[in-house]
Protein backbone atom coordinates (compact mmCIF):
# COMPACT_ATOMS: atom_id res chain seq x y z
CA MET A 1 -9.83 20.80 5.42
CA THR A 2 -11.60 17.49 5.07
CA LEU A 3 -10.12 14.03 4.72
CA ILE A 4 -12.31 11.38 3.11
CA CYS A 5 -11.58 8.11 4.92
CA GLY A 6 -12.97 4.73 4.05
CA PRO A 7 -12.71 2.00 1.45
CA ARG A 8 -10.80 3.42 -1.52
CA ARG A 9 -13.46 2.77 -4.13
CA ALA A 10 -16.24 4.33 -2.03
CA ALA A 11 -14.02 7.30 -1.13
CA LEU A 12 -13.14 7.94 -4.78
CA GLU A 13 -16.81 7.68 -5.79
CA LEU A 14 -17.71 10.21 -3.09
CA LEU A 15 -14.95 12.58 -4.26
CA GLN A 16 -16.20 12.25 -7.85
CA THR A 17 -19.78 12.97 -6.75
CA LEU A 18 -18.64 16.05 -4.83
CA GLY A 19 -16.67 17.16 -7.88
CA GLU A 20 -19.76 16.87 -10.07
CA LEU A 21 -21.88 18.82 -7.58
CA LEU A 22 -19.24 21.56 -7.29
CA SER A 23 -18.23 21.48 -10.98
CA ILE A 24 -14.63 20.79 -9.97
CA GLU A 25 -12.44 18.06 -11.42
CA PRO A 26 -10.67 15.93 -8.77
CA VAL A 27 -6.87 16.01 -9.11
CA PHE A 28 -4.61 12.96 -9.25
CA LEU A 29 -1.76 14.10 -6.98
CA THR A 30 0.77 11.88 -8.76
CA ASP A 31 0.29 13.97 -11.92
CA VAL A 32 0.84 17.18 -9.93
CA GLU A 33 3.80 15.97 -7.88
CA LEU A 34 5.68 14.11 -10.58
CA ASP A 35 4.59 15.99 -13.74
CA ASP A 36 7.50 15.96 -16.23
CA VAL A 37 10.02 16.57 -13.43
CA PRO A 38 9.37 15.48 -9.81
CA ALA A 39 8.67 18.32 -7.38
CA GLY A 40 11.72 19.19 -5.32
CA SER A 41 10.02 20.76 -2.31
CA VAL A 42 6.79 21.17 -0.41
CA GLN A 43 6.46 24.69 -1.79
CA GLU A 44 6.76 23.39 -5.34
CA VAL A 45 3.99 20.83 -4.72
CA ILE A 46 1.78 23.61 -3.34
CA GLN A 47 2.50 25.84 -6.35
CA ARG A 48 1.68 23.00 -8.73
CA LEU A 49 -1.66 22.41 -7.03
CA ASP A 50 -2.61 25.96 -8.10
CA GLY A 51 -5.97 26.31 -6.35
CA ARG A 52 -7.22 22.76 -6.93
CA SER A 53 -9.28 21.61 -4.00
CA LEU A 54 -10.35 17.98 -4.60
CA LEU A 55 -7.37 15.66 -4.27
CA PHE A 56 -6.72 11.93 -4.38
CA ASP A 57 -3.71 9.63 -4.56
CA LEU A 58 -2.01 11.12 -1.48
CA GLU A 59 0.03 7.96 -1.06
CA THR A 60 2.37 9.33 -3.71
CA VAL A 61 3.49 11.94 -1.16
CA CYS A 62 4.15 9.19 1.39
CA TRP A 63 6.23 7.34 -1.21
CA SER A 64 8.35 10.39 -2.13
CA PRO A 65 11.22 10.33 0.36
CA TRP A 66 13.10 13.16 -1.41
CA LEU A 67 10.36 15.60 -0.31
CA GLN A 68 10.71 14.64 3.36
CA LEU A 69 7.25 15.88 4.20
CA ASP A 70 4.27 14.97 6.26
CA PRO A 71 1.24 14.71 3.93
CA VAL A 72 -1.16 16.03 6.58
CA ARG A 73 1.10 19.02 7.25
CA LEU A 74 1.27 19.64 3.47
CA LEU A 75 -2.54 19.61 3.27
CA ARG A 76 -2.88 21.89 6.29
CA GLN A 77 -0.42 24.35 4.77
CA TYR A 78 -2.19 24.27 1.41
CA ALA A 79 -5.63 24.55 3.05
CA ARG A 80 -4.68 27.91 4.62
CA HIS A 81 -5.33 29.47 1.20
CA HIS A 82 -7.58 26.92 -0.53
CA GLY A 83 -10.36 24.67 0.70
CA VAL A 84 -9.24 21.06 0.49
CA MET A 85 -11.07 17.74 0.38
CA ALA A 86 -8.69 14.82 -0.03
CA VAL A 87 -9.08 11.05 -0.09
CA TRP A 88 -6.90 9.73 2.72
CA PRO A 89 -5.18 6.49 1.64
CA GLY A 90 -5.14 4.98 5.13
CA SER A 91 -7.39 4.85 8.15
CA PHE A 92 -8.76 7.15 10.85
CA SER A 93 -9.12 6.17 14.51
CA GLY A 94 -8.66 7.72 17.91
CA GLY A 95 -8.27 11.23 16.52
CA MET A 96 -5.35 10.15 14.31
CA VAL A 97 -4.95 9.33 10.62
CA HIS A 98 -2.69 6.44 9.70
CA PHE A 99 -1.00 5.20 6.55
CA GLY A 100 1.24 2.16 6.20
CA ALA A 101 2.68 -0.04 8.90
CA PRO A 102 4.79 1.41 11.75
CA ASP A 103 7.89 -0.47 10.59
CA ARG A 104 7.78 0.94 7.03
CA ARG A 105 9.51 4.14 5.96
CA ASP A 106 6.28 5.41 4.35
CA HIS A 107 4.42 5.12 7.68
CA VAL A 108 2.37 8.19 8.60
CA ARG A 109 0.59 8.77 11.90
CA ALA A 110 -0.78 12.29 12.16
CA ASP A 111 -2.99 14.23 14.52
CA ALA A 112 -6.40 14.98 12.99
CA ARG A 113 -7.36 17.75 15.44
CA GLY A 114 -9.01 20.66 13.68
CA LEU A 115 -9.91 18.58 10.62
CA SER A 116 -13.16 17.16 9.33
CA VAL A 117 -13.29 13.48 8.48
CA MET A 118 -15.86 12.38 5.94
CA SER A 119 -16.73 8.68 5.64
CA PRO A 120 -18.69 7.35 2.66
CA ILE A 121 -21.78 5.30 3.51
CA PRO A 122 -23.99 3.17 1.29
CA THR A 123 -27.30 4.67 0.20
CA ARG A 124 -30.44 3.14 -1.23
CA LEU A 125 -32.35 6.25 -2.28
CA PRO A 126 -31.12 9.17 -4.39
CA ASP A 127 -32.00 11.76 -1.73
CA GLU A 128 -29.87 10.11 0.97
CA VAL A 129 -26.59 11.78 1.91
CA PRO A 130 -23.76 9.40 0.88
CA PHE A 131 -21.47 10.24 3.80
CA VAL A 132 -21.18 11.02 7.49
CA ILE A 133 -18.90 13.79 8.64
CA GLU A 134 -17.11 14.27 11.92
CA ARG A 135 -15.36 17.46 12.95
CA ILE A 136 -12.34 16.67 15.13
CA SER A 137 -12.13 19.40 17.74
CA ALA A 138 -8.91 21.38 17.85
CA TRP A 139 -9.11 20.93 21.62
CA SER A 140 -9.60 17.16 21.71
CA THR A 141 -6.86 14.97 23.05
CA ALA A 142 -5.59 12.53 20.45
CA SER A 143 -3.80 9.43 21.68
């Protein structure tokens, strides 16, 4: 499982580029989660994803209190059966991913151990890799 962390526009451009290279269309999670009727459980969200592996708009999960789920846990559970690359809507630091402010109900602070974190970087030449990737060891100590 890989989280793409960085400025939203650059992260979405990177996801789109990866989609083109892999011939996979990135999925707008709001469409999956809300569809005609909002998903009622984590399992229903996973079923609706149906093998899709490039995801963005994860903040919709943070803003869906009726699901009562941790978006990173959802992705980990889904990634057990499908490779996942998702644009993370917040930040990454100190082995943790963050979304929202600590005093908000949509606040997420999750351990990134065992994940890969991809950060988009500017390029000048077409043969340059447009990202750096860091594998967070499952044995590291996150603060």
